[in-house]
């Protein structure tokens, strides 16, 4: 399994609107691609020197191949919407994580 992690720093001036859009539109749209089984959104508790508020959204997928299909089929369209709605108001940092070991209680 893989986690596609997107860390976003959003300006405070659009934070409330962006957070609502993420929860009501973007994350559901990501899950609707059929390439992710779940999403977890967290607020980063470390203050950034650049200001703004930082969040991490982790999307779980079954394989690297499925993640590559997301990049090929969906990523450009979904990223474009954020750029249109919140131009120059955020920065995003993306990482891929391979789950090596999982323990649940």
PDB file of N, CA and C in Angstrom:
ATOM      1  N   UNK A   1       0.829  -1.178   0.000  1.00  0.00           N
ATOM      2  CA  UNK A   1       0.000   0.000   0.000  1.00  0.00           C
ATOM      3  C   UNK A   1       0.878   1.248   0.000  1.00  0.00           C
ATOM      4  N   UNK A   2       0.305   2.325  -0.538  1.00  0.00           N
ATOM      5  CA  UNK A   2       1.002   3.602  -0.634  1.00  0.00           C
ATOM      6  C   UNK A   2       0.142   4.714  -0.060  1.00  0.00           C
ATOM      7  N   UNK A   3       0.824   5.736   0.408  1.00  0.00           N
ATOM      8  CA  UNK A   3       0.154   6.965   0.819  1.00  0.00           C
ATOM      9  C   UNK A   3       0.672   8.080  -0.068  1.00  0.00           C
ATOM     10  N   UNK A   4      -0.247   8.789  -0.666  1.00  0.00           N
ATOM     11  CA  UNK A   4       0.075  10.000  -1.422  1.00  0.00           C
ATOM     12  C   UNK A   4      -0.193  11.162  -0.474  1.00  0.00           C
ATOM     13  N   UNK A   5       0.865  11.806  -0.014  1.00  0.00           N
ATOM     14  CA  UNK A   5       0.764  12.872   0.972  1.00  0.00           C
ATOM     15  C   UNK A   5       0.917  14.232   0.296  1.00  0.00           C
ATOM     16  N   UNK A   6      -0.032  15.112   0.556  1.00  0.00           N
ATOM     17  CA  UNK A   6       0.043  16.478   0.040  1.00  0.00           C
ATOM     18  C   UNK A   6       0.048  17.414   1.243  1.00  0.00           C
ATOM     19  N   UNK A   7       1.132  18.161   1.402  1.00  0.00           N
ATOM     20  CA  UNK A   7       1.240  19.146   2.473  1.00  0.00           C
ATOM     21  C   UNK A   7       1.033  20.509   1.849  1.00  0.00           C
ATOM     22  N   UNK A   8       0.086  21.269   2.401  1.00  0.00           N
ATOM     23  CA  UNK A   8      -0.297  22.557   1.827  1.00  0.00           C
ATOM     24  C   UNK A   8      -0.178  23.645   2.878  1.00  0.00           C
ATOM     25  N   UNK A   9       0.463  24.742   2.503  1.00  0.00           N
ATOM     26  CA  UNK A   9       0.469  25.940   3.339  1.00  0.00           C
ATOM     27  C   UNK A   9      -0.441  26.943   2.643  1.00  0.00           C
ATOM     28  N   UNK A  10      -1.500  27.363   3.343  1.00  0.00           N
ATOM     29  CA  UNK A  10      -2.514  28.248   2.767  1.00  0.00           C
ATOM     30  C   UNK A  10      -2.513  29.580   3.511  1.00  0.00           C
ATOM     31  N   UNK A  11      -2.650  30.663   2.777  1.00  0.00           N
ATOM     32  CA  UNK A  11      -2.689  31.989   3.389  1.00  0.00           C
ATOM     33  C   UNK A  11      -3.932  32.111   4.275  1.00  0.00           C
ATOM     34  N   UNK A  12      -3.772  32.803   5.383  1.00  0.00           N
ATOM     35  CA  UNK A  12      -4.886  32.971   6.319  1.00  0.00           C
ATOM     36  C   UNK A  12      -6.071  33.705   5.702  1.00  0.00           C
ATOM     37  N   UNK A  13      -5.830  34.584   4.754  1.00  0.00           N
ATOM     38  CA  UNK A  13      -6.906  35.378   4.151  1.00  0.00           C
ATOM     39  C   UNK A  13      -7.948  34.534   3.422  1.00  0.00           C
ATOM     40  N   UNK A  14      -7.568  33.335   2.968  1.00  0.00           N
ATOM     41  CA  UNK A  14      -8.517  32.458   2.254  1.00  0.00           C
ATOM     42  C   UNK A  14      -8.689  31.116   2.960  1.00  0.00           C
ATOM     43  N   UNK A  15      -8.134  31.012   4.144  1.00  0.00           N
ATOM     44  CA  UNK A  15      -8.098  29.748   4.858  1.00  0.00           C
ATOM     45  C   UNK A  15      -9.485  29.113   5.035  1.00  0.00           C
ATOM     46  N   UNK A  16     -10.456  29.872   5.517  1.00  0.00           N
ATOM     47  CA  UNK A  16     -11.786  29.309   5.799  1.00  0.00           C
ATOM     48  C   UNK A  16     -12.433  28.795   4.514  1.00  0.00           C
ATOM     49  N   UNK A  17     -12.373  29.583   3.457  1.00  0.00           N
ATOM     50  CA  UNK A  17     -12.956  29.178   2.165  1.00  0.00           C
ATOM     51  C   UNK A  17     -12.249  27.939   1.614  1.00  0.00           C
ATOM     52  N   UNK A  18     -10.915  27.938   1.704  1.00  0.00           N
ATOM     53  CA  UNK A  18     -10.127  26.807   1.208  1.00  0.00           C
ATOM     54  C   UNK A  18     -10.440  25.524   1.987  1.00  0.00           C
ATOM     55  N   UNK A  19     -10.516  25.638   3.310  1.00  0.00           N
ATOM     56  CA  UNK A  19     -10.784  24.462   4.145  1.00  0.00           C
ATOM     57  C   UNK A  19     -12.150  23.859   3.814  1.00  0.00           C
ATOM     58  N   UNK A  20     -13.140  24.703   3.625  1.00  0.00           N
ATOM     59  CA  UNK A  20     -14.473  24.224   3.244  1.00  0.00           C
ATOM     60  C   UNK A  20     -14.429  23.545   1.880  1.00  0.00           C
ATOM     61  N   UNK A  21     -13.724  24.157   0.920  1.00  0.00           N
ATOM     62  CA  UNK A  21     -13.599  23.574  -0.412  1.00  0.00           C
ATOM     63  C   UNK A  21     -12.891  22.220  -0.358  1.00  0.00           C
ATOM     64  N   UNK A  22     -11.835  22.144   0.438  1.00  0.00           N
ATOM     65  CA  UNK A  22     -11.118  20.870   0.571  1.00  0.00           C
ATOM     66  C   UNK A  22     -12.041  19.778   1.095  1.00  0.00           C
ATOM     67  N   UNK A  23     -12.773  20.068   2.156  1.00  0.00           N
ATOM     68  CA  UNK A  23     -13.603  19.063   2.809  1.00  0.00           C
ATOM     69  C   UNK A  23     -14.838  18.693   1.995  1.00  0.00           C
ATOM     70  N   UNK A  24     -15.432  19.670   1.328  1.00  0.00           N
ATOM     71  CA  UNK A  24     -16.685  19.423   0.618  1.00  0.00           C
ATOM     72  C   UNK A  24     -16.518  19.081  -0.852  1.00  0.00           C
ATOM     73  N   UNK A  25     -15.408  19.502  -1.463  1.00  0.00           N
ATOM     74  CA  UNK A  25     -15.245  19.306  -2.909  1.00  0.00           C
ATOM     75  C   UNK A  25     -13.991  18.520  -3.280  1.00  0.00           C
ATOM     76  N   UNK A  26     -12.824  19.047  -2.901  1.00  0.00           N
ATOM     77  CA  UNK A  26     -11.583  18.451  -3.423  1.00  0.00           C
ATOM     78  C   UNK A  26     -11.333  17.029  -2.918  1.00  0.00           C
ATOM     79  N   UNK A  27     -11.398  16.814  -1.627  1.00  0.00           N
ATOM     80  CA  UNK A  27     -11.147  15.464  -1.109  1.00  0.00           C
ATOM     81  C   UNK A  27     -12.187  14.481  -1.646  1.00  0.00           C
ATOM     82  N   UNK A  28     -13.486  14.820  -1.657  1.00  0.00           N
ATOM     83  CA  UNK A  28     -14.440  13.896  -2.290  1.00  0.00           C
ATOM     84  C   UNK A  28     -14.127  13.638  -3.774  1.00  0.00           C
ATOM     85  N   UNK A  29     -13.682  14.665  -4.494  1.00  0.00           N
ATOM     86  CA  UNK A  29     -13.308  14.476  -5.902  1.00  0.00           C
ATOM     87  C   UNK A  29     -12.115  13.533  -6.036  1.00  0.00           C
ATOM     88  N   UNK A  30     -11.150  13.656  -5.139  1.00  0.00           N
ATOM     89  CA  UNK A  30      -9.995  12.746  -5.150  1.00  0.00           C
ATOM     90  C   UNK A  30     -10.462  11.303  -4.936  1.00  0.00           C
ATOM     91  N   UNK A  31     -11.316  11.103  -3.958  1.00  0.00           N
ATOM     92  CA  UNK A  31     -11.815   9.744  -3.681  1.00  0.00           C
ATOM     93  C   UNK A  31     -12.679   9.231  -4.833  1.00  0.00           C
ATOM     94  N   UNK A  32     -13.390  10.133  -5.505  1.00  0.00           N
ATOM     95  CA  UNK A  32     -14.257   9.742  -6.618  1.00  0.00           C
ATOM     96  C   UNK A  32     -13.480   9.229  -7.829  1.00  0.00           C
ATOM     97  N   UNK A  33     -12.175   9.481  -7.878  1.00  0.00           N
ATOM     98  CA  UNK A  33     -11.377   8.940  -8.990  1.00  0.00           C
ATOM     99  C   UNK A  33     -11.328   7.417  -8.931  1.00  0.00           C
ATOM    100  N   UNK A  34     -11.626   6.859  -7.749  1.00  0.00           N
ATOM    101  CA  UNK A  34     -11.556   5.412  -7.573  1.00  0.00           C
ATOM    102  C   UNK A  34     -10.151   4.906  -7.323  1.00  0.00           C
ATOM    103  N   UNK A  35      -9.204   5.811  -7.199  1.00  0.00           N
ATOM    104  CA  UNK A  35      -7.807   5.401  -7.038  1.00  0.00           C
ATOM    105  C   UNK A  35      -7.325   5.433  -5.596  1.00  0.00           C
ATOM    106  N   UNK A  36      -8.151   5.987  -4.713  1.00  0.00           N
ATOM    107  CA  UNK A  36      -7.797   6.080  -3.300  1.00  0.00           C
ATOM    108  C   UNK A  36      -8.914   5.486  -2.450  1.00  0.00           C
ATOM    109  N   UNK A  37      -8.539   4.764  -1.409  1.00  0.00           N
ATOM    110  CA  UNK A  37      -9.536   4.115  -0.554  1.00  0.00           C
ATOM    111  C   UNK A  37      -9.948   4.968   0.638  1.00  0.00           C
ATOM    112  N   UNK A  38      -9.086   5.896   1.033  1.00  0.00           N
ATOM    113  CA  UNK A  38      -9.437   6.790   2.138  1.00  0.00           C
ATOM    114  C   UNK A  38      -8.539   8.008   2.119  1.00  0.00           C
ATOM    115  N   UNK A  39      -8.971   9.020   2.893  1.00  0.00           N
ATOM    116  CA  UNK A  39      -8.189  10.246   3.023  1.00  0.00           C
ATOM    117  C   UNK A  39      -8.200  10.663   4.488  1.00  0.00           C
ATOM    118  N   UNK A  40      -7.086  11.213   4.925  1.00  0.00           N
ATOM    119  CA  UNK A  40      -6.947  11.710   6.284  1.00  0.00           C
ATOM    120  C   UNK A  40      -6.361  13.114   6.204  1.00  0.00           C
ATOM    121  N   UNK A  41      -7.096  14.090   6.743  1.00  0.00           N
ATOM    122  CA  UNK A  41      -6.626  15.471   6.724  1.00  0.00           C
ATOM    123  C   UNK A  41      -6.217  15.866   8.129  1.00  0.00           C
ATOM    124  N   UNK A  42      -5.005  16.417   8.259  1.00  0.00           N
ATOM    125  CA  UNK A  42      -4.468  16.817   9.557  1.00  0.00           C
ATOM    126  C   UNK A  42      -3.953  18.245   9.481  1.00  0.00           C
ATOM    127  N   UNK A  43      -4.049  18.954  10.591  1.00  0.00           N
ATOM    128  CA  UNK A  43      -3.475  20.296  10.677  1.00  0.00           C
ATOM    129  C   UNK A  43      -2.090  20.169  11.295  1.00  0.00           C
ATOM    130  N   UNK A  44      -1.096  20.709  10.624  1.00  0.00           N
ATOM    131  CA  UNK A  44       0.274  20.679  11.115  1.00  0.00           C
ATOM    132  C   UNK A  44       0.380  21.685  12.260  1.00  0.00           C
ATOM    133  N   UNK A  45       0.963  21.254  13.370  1.00  0.00           N
ATOM    134  CA  UNK A  45       1.008  22.072  14.571  1.00  0.00           C
ATOM    135  C   UNK A  45       2.265  22.916  14.706  1.00  0.00           C
ATOM    136  N   UNK A  46       3.147  22.859  13.740  1.00  0.00           N
ATOM    137  CA  UNK A  46       4.368  23.666  13.748  1.00  0.00           C
ATOM    138  C   UNK A  46       4.083  24.946  12.965  1.00  0.00           C
ATOM    139  N   UNK A  47       4.411  26.088  13.550  1.00  0.00           N
ATOM    140  CA  UNK A  47       4.217  27.360  12.851  1.00  0.00           C
ATOM    141  C   UNK A  47       5.322  27.559  11.824  1.00  0.00           C
ATOM    142  N   UNK A  48       4.917  27.957  10.636  1.00  0.00           N
ATOM    143  CA  UNK A  48       5.862  28.188   9.551  1.00  0.00           C
ATOM    144  C   UNK A  48       6.357  29.633   9.587  1.00  0.00           C
ATOM    145  N   UNK A  49       7.625  29.837   9.275  1.00  0.00           N
ATOM    146  CA  UNK A  49       8.193  31.185   9.208  1.00  0.00           C
ATOM    147  C   UNK A  49       7.481  32.039   8.176  1.00  0.00           C
ATOM    148  N   UNK A  50       7.019  31.401   7.097  1.00  0.00           N
ATOM    149  CA  UNK A  50       6.367  32.147   6.026  1.00  0.00           C
ATOM    150  C   UNK A  50       4.943  32.546   6.388  1.00  0.00           C
ATOM    151  N   UNK A  51       4.437  32.083   7.533  1.00  0.00           N
ATOM    152  CA  UNK A  51       3.065  32.391   7.926  1.00  0.00           C
ATOM    153  C   UNK A  51       2.097  31.389   7.329  1.00  0.00           C
ATOM    154  N   UNK A  52       0.832  31.726   7.375  1.00  0.00           N
ATOM    155  CA  UNK A  52      -0.194  30.838   6.848  1.00  0.00           C
ATOM    156  C   UNK A  52      -0.436  29.656   7.773  1.00  0.00           C
ATOM    157  N   UNK A  53      -1.299  28.785   7.334  1.00  0.00           N
ATOM    158  CA  UNK A  53      -1.638  27.567   8.072  1.00  0.00           C
ATOM    159  C   UNK A  53      -1.279  26.371   7.202  1.00  0.00           C
ATOM    160  N   UNK A  54      -0.790  25.309   7.823  1.00  0.00           N
ATOM    161  CA  UNK A  54      -0.314  24.151   7.066  1.00  0.00           C
ATOM    162  C   UNK A  54      -1.136  22.921   7.411  1.00  0.00           C
ATOM    163  N   UNK A  55      -1.487  22.183   6.353  1.00  0.00           N
ATOM    164  CA  UNK A  55      -2.253  20.951   6.481  1.00  0.00           C
ATOM    165  C   UNK A  55      -1.564  19.842   5.699  1.00  0.00           C
ATOM    166  N   UNK A  56      -1.813  18.623   6.140  1.00  0.00           N
ATOM    167  CA  UNK A  56      -1.362  17.444   5.417  1.00  0.00           C
ATOM    168  C   UNK A  56      -2.591  16.602   5.092  1.00  0.00           C
ATOM    169  N   UNK A  57      -2.700  16.201   3.840  1.00  0.00           N
ATOM    170  CA  UNK A  57      -3.779  15.296   3.439  1.00  0.00           C
ATOM    171  C   UNK A  57      -3.127  14.035   2.908  1.00  0.00           C
ATOM    172  N   UNK A  58      -3.485  12.904   3.518  1.00  0.00           N
ATOM    173  CA  UNK A  58      -2.911  11.621   3.123  1.00  0.00           C
ATOM    174  C   UNK A  58      -3.982  10.762   2.478  1.00  0.00           C
ATOM    175  N   UNK A  59      -3.727  10.402   1.228  1.00  0.00           N
ATOM    176  CA  UNK A  59      -4.640   9.563   0.452  1.00  0.00           C
ATOM    177  C   UNK A  59      -4.021   8.170   0.354  1.00  0.00           C
ATOM    178  N   UNK A  60      -4.761   7.153   0.756  1.00  0.00           N
ATOM    179  CA  UNK A  60      -4.269   5.779   0.715  1.00  0.00           C
ATOM    180  C   UNK A  60      -4.663   5.127  -0.601  1.00  0.00           C
ATOM    181  N   UNK A  61      -3.692   4.447  -1.228  1.00  0.00           N
ATOM    182  CA  UNK A  61      -3.940   3.738  -2.477  1.00  0.00           C
ATOM    183  C   UNK A  61      -3.303   2.347  -2.398  1.00  0.00           C
ATOM    184  N   UNK A  62      -3.752   1.449  -3.249  1.00  0.00           N
ATOM    185  CA  UNK A  62      -3.320   0.054  -3.150  1.00  0.00           C
ATOM    186  C   UNK A  62      -1.940  -0.230  -3.733  1.00  0.00           C
ATOM    187  N   UNK A  63      -1.480   0.615  -4.679  1.00  0.00           N
ATOM    188  CA  UNK A  63      -0.210   0.297  -5.331  1.00  0.00           C
ATOM    189  C   UNK A  63       0.396   1.517  -6.014  1.00  0.00           C
ATOM    190  N   UNK A  64       1.654   1.400  -6.346  1.00  0.00           N
ATOM    191  CA  UNK A  64       2.356   2.429  -7.109  1.00  0.00           C
ATOM    192  C   UNK A  64       1.717   2.579  -8.491  1.00  0.00           C
ATOM    193  N   UNK A  65       1.265   1.474  -9.058  1.00  0.00           N
ATOM    194  CA  UNK A  65       0.627   1.513 -10.372  1.00  0.00           C
ATOM    195  C   UNK A  65      -0.653   2.349 -10.345  1.00  0.00           C
ATOM    196  N   UNK A  66      -1.452   2.178  -9.296  1.00  0.00           N
ATOM    197  CA  UNK A  66      -2.678   2.959  -9.179  1.00  0.00           C
ATOM    198  C   UNK A  66      -2.355   4.430  -8.992  1.00  0.00           C
ATOM    199  N   UNK A  67      -1.330   4.719  -8.209  1.00  0.00           N
ATOM    200  CA  UNK A  67      -0.917   6.101  -8.014  1.00  0.00           C
ATOM    201  C   UNK A  67      -0.450   6.710  -9.336  1.00  0.00           C
ATOM    202  N   UNK A  68       0.282   5.949 -10.130  1.00  0.00           N
ATOM    203  CA  UNK A  68       0.708   6.434 -11.447  1.00  0.00           C
ATOM    204  C   UNK A  68      -0.491   6.704 -12.354  1.00  0.00           C
ATOM    205  N   UNK A  69      -1.528   5.879 -12.262  1.00  0.00           N
ATOM    206  CA  UNK A  69      -2.753   6.128 -13.044  1.00  0.00           C
ATOM    207  C   UNK A  69      -3.397   7.439 -12.619  1.00  0.00           C
ATOM    208  N   UNK A  70      -3.372   7.724 -11.320  1.00  0.00           N
ATOM    209  CA  UNK A  70      -3.891   9.008 -10.839  1.00  0.00           C
ATOM    210  C   UNK A  70      -3.124  10.154 -11.492  1.00  0.00           C
ATOM    211  N   UNK A  71      -1.791  10.068 -11.500  1.00  0.00           N
ATOM    212  CA  UNK A  71      -0.979  11.119 -12.113  1.00  0.00           C
ATOM    213  C   UNK A  71      -1.337  11.301 -13.590  1.00  0.00           C
ATOM    214  N   UNK A  72      -1.504  10.189 -14.299  1.00  0.00           N
ATOM    215  CA  UNK A  72      -1.769  10.236 -15.735  1.00  0.00           C
ATOM    216  C   UNK A  72      -3.188  10.695 -16.066  1.00  0.00           C
ATOM    217  N   UNK A  73      -4.153  10.285 -15.273  1.00  0.00           N
ATOM    218  CA  UNK A  73      -5.562  10.492 -15.627  1.00  0.00           C
ATOM    219  C   UNK A  73      -6.262  11.634 -14.886  1.00  0.00           C
ATOM    220  N   UNK A  74      -5.811  11.993 -13.701  1.00  0.00           N
ATOM    221  CA  UNK A  74      -6.586  12.899 -12.864  1.00  0.00           C
ATOM    222  C   UNK A  74      -5.832  14.097 -12.282  1.00  0.00           C
ATOM    223  N   UNK A  75      -4.551  13.950 -12.033  1.00  0.00           N
ATOM    224  CA  UNK A  75      -3.806  14.949 -11.261  1.00  0.00           C
ATOM    225  C   UNK A  75      -3.886  16.353 -11.855  1.00  0.00           C
ATOM    226  N   UNK A  76      -3.658  16.480 -13.129  1.00  0.00           N
ATOM    227  CA  UNK A  76      -3.642  17.803 -13.754  1.00  0.00           C
ATOM    228  C   UNK A  76      -4.985  18.513 -13.577  1.00  0.00           C
ATOM    229  N   UNK A  77      -6.071  17.813 -13.823  1.00  0.00           N
ATOM    230  CA  UNK A  77      -7.408  18.396 -13.707  1.00  0.00           C
ATOM    231  C   UNK A  77      -7.700  18.838 -12.277  1.00  0.00           C
ATOM    232  N   UNK A  78      -7.381  17.997 -11.309  1.00  0.00           N
ATOM    233  CA  UNK A  78      -7.692  18.314  -9.921  1.00  0.00           C
ATOM    234  C   UNK A  78      -6.793  19.412  -9.362  1.00  0.00           C
ATOM    235  N   UNK A  79      -5.559  19.436  -9.774  1.00  0.00           N
ATOM    236  CA  UNK A  79      -4.645  20.493  -9.316  1.00  0.00           C
ATOM    237  C   UNK A  79      -5.025  21.838  -9.930  1.00  0.00           C
ATOM    238  N   UNK A  80      -5.476  21.815 -11.168  1.00  0.00           N
ATOM    239  CA  UNK A  80      -5.840  23.033 -11.881  1.00  0.00           C
ATOM    240  C   UNK A  80      -6.960  23.786 -11.170  1.00  0.00           C
ATOM    241  N   UNK A  81      -7.922  23.059 -10.632  1.00  0.00           N
ATOM    242  CA  UNK A  81      -9.041  23.703  -9.945  1.00  0.00           C
ATOM    243  C   UNK A  81      -8.552  24.513  -8.744  1.00  0.00           C
ATOM    244  N   UNK A  82      -7.641  23.958  -7.971  1.00  0.00           N
ATOM    245  CA  UNK A  82      -7.094  24.682  -6.812  1.00  0.00           C
ATOM    246  C   UNK A  82      -6.354  25.947  -7.263  1.00  0.00           C
ATOM    247  N   UNK A  83      -5.601  25.845  -8.333  1.00  0.00           N
ATOM    248  CA  UNK A  83      -4.862  26.997  -8.839  1.00  0.00           C
ATOM    249  C   UNK A  83      -5.802  28.096  -9.321  1.00  0.00           C
ATOM    250  N   UNK A  84      -6.947  27.703  -9.887  1.00  0.00           N
ATOM    251  CA  UNK A  84      -7.920  28.688 -10.360  1.00  0.00           C
ATOM    252  C   UNK A  84      -8.666  29.356  -9.204  1.00  0.00           C
ATOM    253  N   UNK A  85      -9.012  28.587  -8.190  1.00  0.00           N
ATOM    254  CA  UNK A  85      -9.785  29.120  -7.071  1.00  0.00           C
ATOM    255  C   UNK A  85      -8.937  29.915  -6.078  1.00  0.00           C
ATOM    256  N   UNK A  86      -7.679  29.504  -5.908  1.00  0.00           N
ATOM    257  CA  UNK A  86      -6.804  30.118  -4.903  1.00  0.00           C
ATOM    258  C   UNK A  86      -5.447  30.490  -5.509  1.00  0.00           C
ATOM    259  N   UNK A  87      -5.447  31.321  -6.551  1.00  0.00           N
ATOM    260  CA  UNK A  87      -4.184  31.655  -7.217  1.00  0.00           C
ATOM    261  C   UNK A  87      -3.226  32.400  -6.292  1.00  0.00           C
ATOM    262  N   UNK A  88      -2.004  31.927  -6.257  1.00  0.00           N
ATOM    263  CA  UNK A  88      -0.933  32.553  -5.464  1.00  0.00           C
ATOM    264  C   UNK A  88      -1.249  32.639  -3.974  1.00  0.00           C
ATOM    265  N   UNK A  89      -2.102  31.746  -3.483  1.00  0.00           N
ATOM    266  CA  UNK A  89      -2.492  31.771  -2.070  1.00  0.00           C
ATOM    267  C   UNK A  89      -1.999  30.550  -1.300  1.00  0.00           C
ATOM    268  N   UNK A  90      -1.339  29.623  -1.976  1.00  0.00           N
ATOM    269  CA  UNK A  90      -0.875  28.413  -1.309  1.00  0.00           C
ATOM    270  C   UNK A  90       0.367  27.854  -1.987  1.00  0.00           C
ATOM    271  N   UNK A  91       1.060  27.036  -1.237  1.00  0.00           N
ATOM    272  CA  UNK A  91       2.140  26.217  -1.796  1.00  0.00           C
ATOM    273  C   UNK A  91       1.851  24.782  -1.376  1.00  0.00           C
ATOM    274  N   UNK A  92       2.173  23.846  -2.245  1.00  0.00           N
ATOM    275  CA  UNK A  92       1.921  22.431  -1.970  1.00  0.00           C
ATOM    276  C   UNK A  92       3.205  21.639  -2.175  1.00  0.00           C
ATOM    277  N   UNK A  93       3.407  20.675  -1.308  1.00  0.00           N
ATOM    278  CA  UNK A  93       4.567  19.787  -1.350  1.00  0.00           C
ATOM    279  C   UNK A  93       4.017  18.368  -1.331  1.00  0.00           C
ATOM    280  N   UNK A  94       4.369  17.568  -2.321  1.00  0.00           N
ATOM    281  CA  UNK A  94       3.812  16.219  -2.455  1.00  0.00           C
ATOM    282  C   UNK A  94       4.888  15.159  -2.234  1.00  0.00           C
ATOM    283  N   UNK A  95       4.513  14.107  -1.505  1.00  0.00           N
ATOM    284  CA  UNK A  95       5.425  12.986  -1.300  1.00  0.00           C
ATOM    285  C   UNK A  95       4.657  11.683  -1.443  1.00  0.00           C
ATOM    286  N   UNK A  96       5.386  10.651  -1.806  1.00  0.00           N
ATOM    287  CA  UNK A  96       4.833   9.297  -1.879  1.00  0.00           C
ATOM    288  C   UNK A  96       5.456   8.480  -0.759  1.00  0.00           C
ATOM    289  N   UNK A  97       4.619   7.781  -0.024  1.00  0.00           N
ATOM    290  CA  UNK A  97       5.087   6.958   1.087  1.00  0.00           C
ATOM    291  C   UNK A  97       4.656   5.514   0.848  1.00  0.00           C
ATOM    292  N   UNK A  98       5.593   4.604   0.967  1.00  0.00           N
ATOM    293  CA  UNK A  98       5.262   3.184   0.869  1.00  0.00           C
ATOM    294  C   UNK A  98       5.087   2.637   2.285  1.00  0.00           C
ATOM    295  N   UNK A  99       3.949   2.022   2.534  1.00  0.00           N
ATOM    296  CA  UNK A  99       3.687   1.445   3.848  1.00  0.00           C
ATOM    297  C   UNK A  99       4.476   0.146   3.963  1.00  0.00           C
ATOM    298  N   UNK A 100       5.370   0.092   4.938  1.00  0.00           N
ATOM    299  CA  UNK A 100       6.238  -1.061   5.141  1.00  0.00           C
ATOM    300  C   UNK A 100       5.672  -1.999   6.198  1.00  0.00           C
ATOM    301  N   UNK A 101       5.114  -1.420   7.247  1.00  0.00           N
ATOM    302  CA  UNK A 101       4.614  -2.209   8.363  1.00  0.00           C
ATOM    303  C   UNK A 101       3.466  -1.453   9.020  1.00  0.00           C
ATOM    304  N   UNK A 102       2.434  -2.172   9.385  1.00  0.00           N
ATOM    305  CA  UNK A 102       1.268  -1.543   9.994  1.00  0.00           C
ATOM    306  C   UNK A 102       0.826  -2.347  11.203  1.00  0.00           C
ATOM    307  N   UNK A 103       0.610  -1.656  12.310  1.00  0.00           N
ATOM    308  CA  UNK A 103       0.109  -2.304  13.522  1.00  0.00           C
ATOM    309  C   UNK A 103      -1.126  -1.526  13.966  1.00  0.00           C
ATOM    310  N   UNK A 104      -2.187  -2.210  14.222  1.00  0.00           N
ATOM    311  CA  UNK A 104      -3.401  -1.576  14.729  1.00  0.00           C
ATOM    312  C   UNK A 104      -3.793  -2.250  16.044  1.00  0.00           C
ATOM    313  N   UNK A 105      -4.315  -1.457  16.925  1.00  0.00           N
ATOM    314  CA  UNK A 105      -4.743  -1.983  18.209  1.00  0.00           C
ATOM    315  C   UNK A 105      -6.242  -2.109  18.247  1.00  0.00           C
TER     316      UNK A 105
END
